[in-house]
């Protein structure tokens, strides 16, 4: 028996790109001497590659050069699915959408290219209103670019993990889908209030 079950795998790159574009904050994982290094940062996809930048003081920066292997995870929506929603004979489960990518990272050594990648990233993240436009010639950019390292990841392997109650009836799948929508529209104010208490 394969794992994860094929029913929970999505090999459609267009679906995975959709996740990357809508949930651009990635979990970036590198390993050196059996020690994992993990950072959370936005990455932008274009033509089979991911582009980003990282603080040069972050120890993981040294592991994003010379075609070093990396793993990247993009996390879409998720939700607990209670049997009360789809029938008492079912068991509780958790539905989620994840994209796992493996690739190799190389440093972008040209500061002008790094600056342009930051302008492009801001333009993408500001869509569709473009309320803010990052000016390539902003003097702060020349200061900031000295403290970050730009990098590019060449994607070698794609894996879509879309667990969406595919093993249930179409009615149950739709109920689970609606739960995923409602949970991710719920106000996070109570949660944020709790974790930001003085």
C-alpha atoms as a PDB file:
ATOM      1  CA  UNK A   1       0.000   0.000   0.000  1.00  0.00           C
ATOM      2  CA  UNK A   2       1.410   3.376  -1.009  1.00  0.00           C
ATOM      3  CA  UNK A   3       1.696   6.257   1.401  1.00  0.00           C
ATOM      4  CA  UNK A   4       0.327   8.803   1.306  1.00  0.00           C
ATOM      5  CA  UNK A   5      -2.660   7.201  -0.412  1.00  0.00           C
ATOM      6  CA  UNK A   6      -2.879   8.194  -4.074  1.00  0.00           C
ATOM      7  CA  UNK A   7      -6.360   9.558  -3.429  1.00  0.00           C
ATOM      8  CA  UNK A   8      -4.815  12.315  -1.290  1.00  0.00           C
ATOM      9  CA  UNK A   9      -2.115  13.209  -3.816  1.00  0.00           C
ATOM     10  CA  UNK A  10      -2.528  15.847  -6.506  1.00  0.00           C
ATOM     11  CA  UNK A  11       0.056  15.800  -9.278  1.00  0.00           C
ATOM     12  CA  UNK A  12      -1.471  18.683 -11.256  1.00  0.00           C
ATOM     13  CA  UNK A  13       1.208  21.406 -11.292  1.00  0.00           C
ATOM     14  CA  UNK A  14      -1.401  24.055 -12.014  1.00  0.00           C
ATOM     15  CA  UNK A  15      -3.144  23.182  -8.748  1.00  0.00           C
ATOM     16  CA  UNK A  16       0.142  23.354  -6.864  1.00  0.00           C
ATOM     17  CA  UNK A  17       1.097  26.682  -8.467  1.00  0.00           C
ATOM     18  CA  UNK A  18      -2.305  27.991  -7.385  1.00  0.00           C
ATOM     19  CA  UNK A  19      -1.420  27.104  -3.774  1.00  0.00           C
ATOM     20  CA  UNK A  20       2.010  28.735  -4.079  1.00  0.00           C
ATOM     21  CA  UNK A  21       0.503  31.916  -5.501  1.00  0.00           C
ATOM     22  CA  UNK A  22      -2.236  32.193  -2.856  1.00  0.00           C
ATOM     23  CA  UNK A  23      -0.208  31.065   0.181  1.00  0.00           C
ATOM     24  CA  UNK A  24       3.248  32.438  -0.627  1.00  0.00           C
ATOM     25  CA  UNK A  25       4.741  32.216   2.866  1.00  0.00           C
ATOM     26  CA  UNK A  26       6.905  29.108   2.622  1.00  0.00           C
ATOM     27  CA  UNK A  27       8.651  26.861   5.107  1.00  0.00           C
ATOM     28  CA  UNK A  28      12.193  26.490   3.774  1.00  0.00           C
ATOM     29  CA  UNK A  29      14.231  23.534   5.066  1.00  0.00           C
ATOM     30  CA  UNK A  30      17.950  22.870   4.653  1.00  0.00           C
ATOM     31  CA  UNK A  31      20.043  20.207   6.367  1.00  0.00           C
ATOM     32  CA  UNK A  32      23.717  20.305   7.320  1.00  0.00           C
ATOM     33  CA  UNK A  33      25.446  17.590   9.352  1.00  0.00           C
ATOM     34  CA  UNK A  34      22.019  16.066  10.138  1.00  0.00           C
ATOM     35  CA  UNK A  35      20.839  19.360  11.661  1.00  0.00           C
ATOM     36  CA  UNK A  36      17.771  20.958  10.048  1.00  0.00           C
ATOM     37  CA  UNK A  37      17.694  24.698   9.415  1.00  0.00           C
ATOM     38  CA  UNK A  38      14.198  26.127   8.949  1.00  0.00           C
ATOM     39  CA  UNK A  39      13.027  29.588   7.912  1.00  0.00           C
ATOM     40  CA  UNK A  40       9.607  31.005   7.051  1.00  0.00           C
ATOM     41  CA  UNK A  41       9.652  33.508   4.229  1.00  0.00           C
ATOM     42  CA  UNK A  42       7.704  34.437   1.092  1.00  0.00           C
ATOM     43  CA  UNK A  43       8.817  32.860  -2.155  1.00  0.00           C
ATOM     44  CA  UNK A  44       7.564  33.805  -5.599  1.00  0.00           C
ATOM     45  CA  UNK A  45       7.150  31.254  -8.383  1.00  0.00           C
ATOM     46  CA  UNK A  46       8.041  31.772 -12.027  1.00  0.00           C
ATOM     47  CA  UNK A  47       8.937  29.292 -14.775  1.00  0.00           C
ATOM     48  CA  UNK A  48       9.898  26.349 -12.572  1.00  0.00           C
ATOM     49  CA  UNK A  49      11.847  28.408 -10.047  1.00  0.00           C
ATOM     50  CA  UNK A  50      11.230  30.078  -6.706  1.00  0.00           C
ATOM     51  CA  UNK A  51      12.861  33.394  -5.813  1.00  0.00           C
ATOM     52  CA  UNK A  52      13.336  34.957  -2.398  1.00  0.00           C
ATOM     53  CA  UNK A  53      15.718  36.749  -0.090  1.00  0.00           C
ATOM     54  CA  UNK A  54      16.962  36.051   3.416  1.00  0.00           C
ATOM     55  CA  UNK A  55      18.787  37.972   6.145  1.00  0.00           C
ATOM     56  CA  UNK A  56      22.523  37.406   5.701  1.00  0.00           C
ATOM     57  CA  UNK A  57      22.809  36.841   9.475  1.00  0.00           C
ATOM     58  CA  UNK A  58      20.458  33.875   9.266  1.00  0.00           C
ATOM     59  CA  UNK A  59      22.705  30.774   9.425  1.00  0.00           C
ATOM     60  CA  UNK A  60      20.526  29.135   6.772  1.00  0.00           C
ATOM     61  CA  UNK A  61      21.732  31.717   4.223  1.00  0.00           C
ATOM     62  CA  UNK A  62      25.011  29.803   3.893  1.00  0.00           C
ATOM     63  CA  UNK A  63      23.016  26.724   2.868  1.00  0.00           C
ATOM     64  CA  UNK A  64      21.281  28.436  -0.047  1.00  0.00           C
ATOM     65  CA  UNK A  65      24.249  28.510  -2.411  1.00  0.00           C
ATOM     66  CA  UNK A  66      26.051  26.244  -4.878  1.00  0.00           C
ATOM     67  CA  UNK A  67      23.038  24.080  -5.795  1.00  0.00           C
ATOM     68  CA  UNK A  68      22.459  22.970  -2.209  1.00  0.00           C
ATOM     69  CA  UNK A  69      19.419  20.656  -1.824  1.00  0.00           C
ATOM     70  CA  UNK A  70      16.412  22.199  -0.078  1.00  0.00           C
ATOM     71  CA  UNK A  71      12.837  21.256   0.749  1.00  0.00           C
ATOM     72  CA  UNK A  72      10.054  23.832   0.570  1.00  0.00           C
ATOM     73  CA  UNK A  73       6.547  23.507   2.011  1.00  0.00           C
ATOM     74  CA  UNK A  74       3.617  25.747   1.137  1.00  0.00           C
ATOM     75  CA  UNK A  75       0.617  25.454   3.452  1.00  0.00           C
ATOM     76  CA  UNK A  76      -2.877  26.102   2.174  1.00  0.00           C
ATOM     77  CA  UNK A  77      -6.070  26.028   4.255  1.00  0.00           C
ATOM     78  CA  UNK A  78      -6.757  23.278   6.791  1.00  0.00           C
ATOM     79  CA  UNK A  79      -9.594  22.316   9.119  1.00  0.00           C
ATOM     80  CA  UNK A  80     -10.714  19.694  11.625  1.00  0.00           C
ATOM     81  CA  UNK A  81     -13.670  17.752  10.197  1.00  0.00           C
ATOM     82  CA  UNK A  82     -16.045  16.563  12.915  1.00  0.00           C
ATOM     83  CA  UNK A  83     -18.219  13.464  12.367  1.00  0.00           C
ATOM     84  CA  UNK A  84     -21.131  15.655  13.504  1.00  0.00           C
ATOM     85  CA  UNK A  85     -20.924  17.347  10.100  1.00  0.00           C
ATOM     86  CA  UNK A  86     -20.981  14.295   7.864  1.00  0.00           C
ATOM     87  CA  UNK A  87     -22.574  11.467   9.839  1.00  0.00           C
ATOM     88  CA  UNK A  88     -22.038   9.809  13.202  1.00  0.00           C
ATOM     89  CA  UNK A  89     -20.631   6.632  11.612  1.00  0.00           C
ATOM     90  CA  UNK A  90     -17.567   8.516  10.380  1.00  0.00           C
ATOM     91  CA  UNK A  91     -14.418   9.141  12.388  1.00  0.00           C
ATOM     92  CA  UNK A  92     -12.848  12.556  13.024  1.00  0.00           C
ATOM     93  CA  UNK A  93     -10.251  13.686  10.519  1.00  0.00           C
ATOM     94  CA  UNK A  94      -8.228  16.710   9.478  1.00  0.00           C
ATOM     95  CA  UNK A  95      -8.312  18.066   5.935  1.00  0.00           C
ATOM     96  CA  UNK A  96      -5.502  20.153   4.489  1.00  0.00           C
ATOM     97  CA  UNK A  97      -3.772  21.382   1.366  1.00  0.00           C
ATOM     98  CA  UNK A  98       0.036  21.299   1.250  1.00  0.00           C
ATOM     99  CA  UNK A  99       2.643  21.489  -1.467  1.00  0.00           C
ATOM    100  CA  UNK A 100       6.044  19.875  -0.903  1.00  0.00           C
ATOM    101  CA  UNK A 101       8.853  20.823  -3.272  1.00  0.00           C
ATOM    102  CA  UNK A 102      12.434  19.645  -3.514  1.00  0.00           C
ATOM    103  CA  UNK A 103      15.071  21.550  -5.398  1.00  0.00           C
ATOM    104  CA  UNK A 104      18.495  23.136  -5.366  1.00  0.00           C
ATOM    105  CA  UNK A 105      19.301  26.651  -4.155  1.00  0.00           C
ATOM    106  CA  UNK A 106      21.789  29.094  -5.611  1.00  0.00           C
ATOM    107  CA  UNK A 107      22.730  32.584  -4.490  1.00  0.00           C
ATOM    108  CA  UNK A 108      21.805  35.610  -6.597  1.00  0.00           C
ATOM    109  CA  UNK A 109      25.056  37.533  -6.448  1.00  0.00           C
ATOM    110  CA  UNK A 110      24.084  40.638  -8.418  1.00  0.00           C
ATOM    111  CA  UNK A 111      22.572  43.242  -6.068  1.00  0.00           C
ATOM    112  CA  UNK A 112      20.652  44.852  -8.913  1.00  0.00           C
ATOM    113  CA  UNK A 113      18.950  41.536  -9.640  1.00  0.00           C
ATOM    114  CA  UNK A 114      18.169  41.108  -5.934  1.00  0.00           C
ATOM    115  CA  UNK A 115      16.636  44.582  -5.814  1.00  0.00           C
ATOM    116  CA  UNK A 116      14.523  43.861  -8.887  1.00  0.00           C
ATOM    117  CA  UNK A 117      13.355  40.566  -7.365  1.00  0.00           C
ATOM    118  CA  UNK A 118      12.210  42.500  -4.293  1.00  0.00           C
ATOM    119  CA  UNK A 119      10.308  44.975  -6.483  1.00  0.00           C
ATOM    120  CA  UNK A 120       8.709  42.073  -8.379  1.00  0.00           C
ATOM    121  CA  UNK A 121       7.800  40.274  -5.148  1.00  0.00           C
ATOM    122  CA  UNK A 122       6.174  43.381  -3.711  1.00  0.00           C
ATOM    123  CA  UNK A 123       4.202  43.930  -6.925  1.00  0.00           C
ATOM    124  CA  UNK A 124       2.973  40.331  -6.796  1.00  0.00           C
ATOM    125  CA  UNK A 125       2.038  40.468  -3.115  1.00  0.00           C
ATOM    126  CA  UNK A 126       0.243  43.794  -3.569  1.00  0.00           C
ATOM    127  CA  UNK A 127      -2.074  42.369  -6.252  1.00  0.00           C
ATOM    128  CA  UNK A 128      -4.700  43.247  -7.283  1.00  0.00           C
ATOM    129  CA  UNK A 129      -5.012  46.730  -5.719  1.00  0.00           C
ATOM    130  CA  UNK A 130      -1.303  47.660  -5.836  1.00  0.00           C
ATOM    131  CA  UNK A 131      -1.867  50.042  -2.935  1.00  0.00           C
ATOM    132  CA  UNK A 132       1.909  50.247  -2.514  1.00  0.00           C
ATOM    133  CA  UNK A 133       4.568  50.169  -5.218  1.00  0.00           C
ATOM    134  CA  UNK A 134       8.174  49.545  -4.196  1.00  0.00           C
ATOM    135  CA  UNK A 135      10.433  51.934  -6.071  1.00  0.00           C
ATOM    136  CA  UNK A 136      13.602  50.295  -7.368  1.00  0.00           C
ATOM    137  CA  UNK A 137      15.380  53.632  -6.797  1.00  0.00           C
ATOM    138  CA  UNK A 138      14.191  54.064  -3.219  1.00  0.00           C
ATOM    139  CA  UNK A 139      17.377  55.017  -1.260  1.00  0.00           C
ATOM    140  CA  UNK A 140      16.424  52.576   1.495  1.00  0.00           C
ATOM    141  CA  UNK A 141      16.723  49.750  -1.022  1.00  0.00           C
ATOM    142  CA  UNK A 142      20.438  50.394  -1.473  1.00  0.00           C
ATOM    143  CA  UNK A 143      20.927  50.095   2.289  1.00  0.00           C
ATOM    144  CA  UNK A 144      18.643  47.102   2.738  1.00  0.00           C
ATOM    145  CA  UNK A 145      20.109  45.037  -0.090  1.00  0.00           C
ATOM    146  CA  UNK A 146      23.429  44.892   1.794  1.00  0.00           C
ATOM    147  CA  UNK A 147      21.782  43.000   4.648  1.00  0.00           C
ATOM    148  CA  UNK A 148      20.007  40.335   2.604  1.00  0.00           C
ATOM    149  CA  UNK A 149      21.009  37.552   0.278  1.00  0.00           C
ATOM    150  CA  UNK A 150      18.900  36.829  -2.766  1.00  0.00           C
ATOM    151  CA  UNK A 151      18.503  33.232  -3.850  1.00  0.00           C
ATOM    152  CA  UNK A 152      16.757  31.103  -6.407  1.00  0.00           C
ATOM    153  CA  UNK A 153      15.482  27.546  -6.095  1.00  0.00           C
ATOM    154  CA  UNK A 154      15.337  25.299  -9.132  1.00  0.00           C
ATOM    155  CA  UNK A 155      12.423  22.932  -8.465  1.00  0.00           C
ATOM    156  CA  UNK A 156      13.288  19.286  -9.131  1.00  0.00           C
ATOM    157  CA  UNK A 157      10.340  17.461  -7.548  1.00  0.00           C
ATOM    158  CA  UNK A 158       6.696  18.427  -6.959  1.00  0.00           C
ATOM    159  CA  UNK A 159       4.252  16.784  -4.562  1.00  0.00           C
ATOM    160  CA  UNK A 160       0.729  17.969  -3.865  1.00  0.00           C
ATOM    161  CA  UNK A 161      -0.804  16.700  -0.629  1.00  0.00           C
ATOM    162  CA  UNK A 162      -4.494  17.546  -0.900  1.00  0.00           C
ATOM    163  CA  UNK A 163      -6.432  15.696   1.809  1.00  0.00           C
ATOM    164  CA  UNK A 164     -10.019  16.731   1.119  1.00  0.00           C
ATOM    165  CA  UNK A 165     -12.188  13.785   2.236  1.00  0.00           C
ATOM    166  CA  UNK A 166     -11.818  12.178  -1.204  1.00  0.00           C
ATOM    167  CA  UNK A 167     -12.642   8.785   0.342  1.00  0.00           C
ATOM    168  CA  UNK A 168     -16.082  10.035   1.420  1.00  0.00           C
ATOM    169  CA  UNK A 169     -19.322  10.497  -0.517  1.00  0.00           C
ATOM    170  CA  UNK A 170     -19.653  13.548  -2.807  1.00  0.00           C
ATOM    171  CA  UNK A 171     -22.068  15.054  -0.260  1.00  0.00           C
ATOM    172  CA  UNK A 172     -19.576  14.569   2.571  1.00  0.00           C
ATOM    173  CA  UNK A 173     -16.787  16.006   0.417  1.00  0.00           C
ATOM    174  CA  UNK A 174     -18.863  19.126  -0.196  1.00  0.00           C
ATOM    175  CA  UNK A 175     -19.651  19.493   3.515  1.00  0.00           C
ATOM    176  CA  UNK A 176     -15.946  19.165   4.312  1.00  0.00           C
ATOM    177  CA  UNK A 177     -15.165  21.762   1.636  1.00  0.00           C
ATOM    178  CA  UNK A 178     -17.650  24.207   3.164  1.00  0.00           C
ATOM    179  CA  UNK A 179     -16.096  23.597   6.588  1.00  0.00           C
ATOM    180  CA  UNK A 180     -12.657  24.378   5.148  1.00  0.00           C
ATOM    181  CA  UNK A 181     -14.064  27.636   3.765  1.00  0.00           C
ATOM    182  CA  UNK A 182     -15.880  28.649   6.950  1.00  0.00           C
ATOM    183  CA  UNK A 183     -12.966  27.855   9.291  1.00  0.00           C
ATOM    184  CA  UNK A 184     -10.614  29.938   7.199  1.00  0.00           C
ATOM    185  CA  UNK A 185     -13.044  32.863   7.193  1.00  0.00           C
ATOM    186  CA  UNK A 186     -13.481  32.801  10.969  1.00  0.00           C
ATOM    187  CA  UNK A 187     -12.193  35.855  12.815  1.00  0.00           C
ATOM    188  CA  UNK A 188      -8.777  35.288  14.367  1.00  0.00           C
ATOM    189  CA  UNK A 189      -9.256  38.150  16.814  1.00  0.00           C
ATOM    190  CA  UNK A 190      -9.827  35.931  19.909  1.00  0.00           C
ATOM    191  CA  UNK A 191      -6.735  33.890  19.065  1.00  0.00           C
ATOM    192  CA  UNK A 192      -4.559  36.952  18.519  1.00  0.00           C
ATOM    193  CA  UNK A 193      -5.904  38.568  21.674  1.00  0.00           C
ATOM    194  CA  UNK A 194      -4.857  35.496  23.679  1.00  0.00           C
ATOM    195  CA  UNK A 195      -1.331  35.227  22.327  1.00  0.00           C
ATOM    196  CA  UNK A 196      -0.592  38.957  22.516  1.00  0.00           C
ATOM    197  CA  UNK A 197      -1.654  39.462  26.116  1.00  0.00           C
ATOM    198  CA  UNK A 198       0.960  41.310  28.155  1.00  0.00           C
END
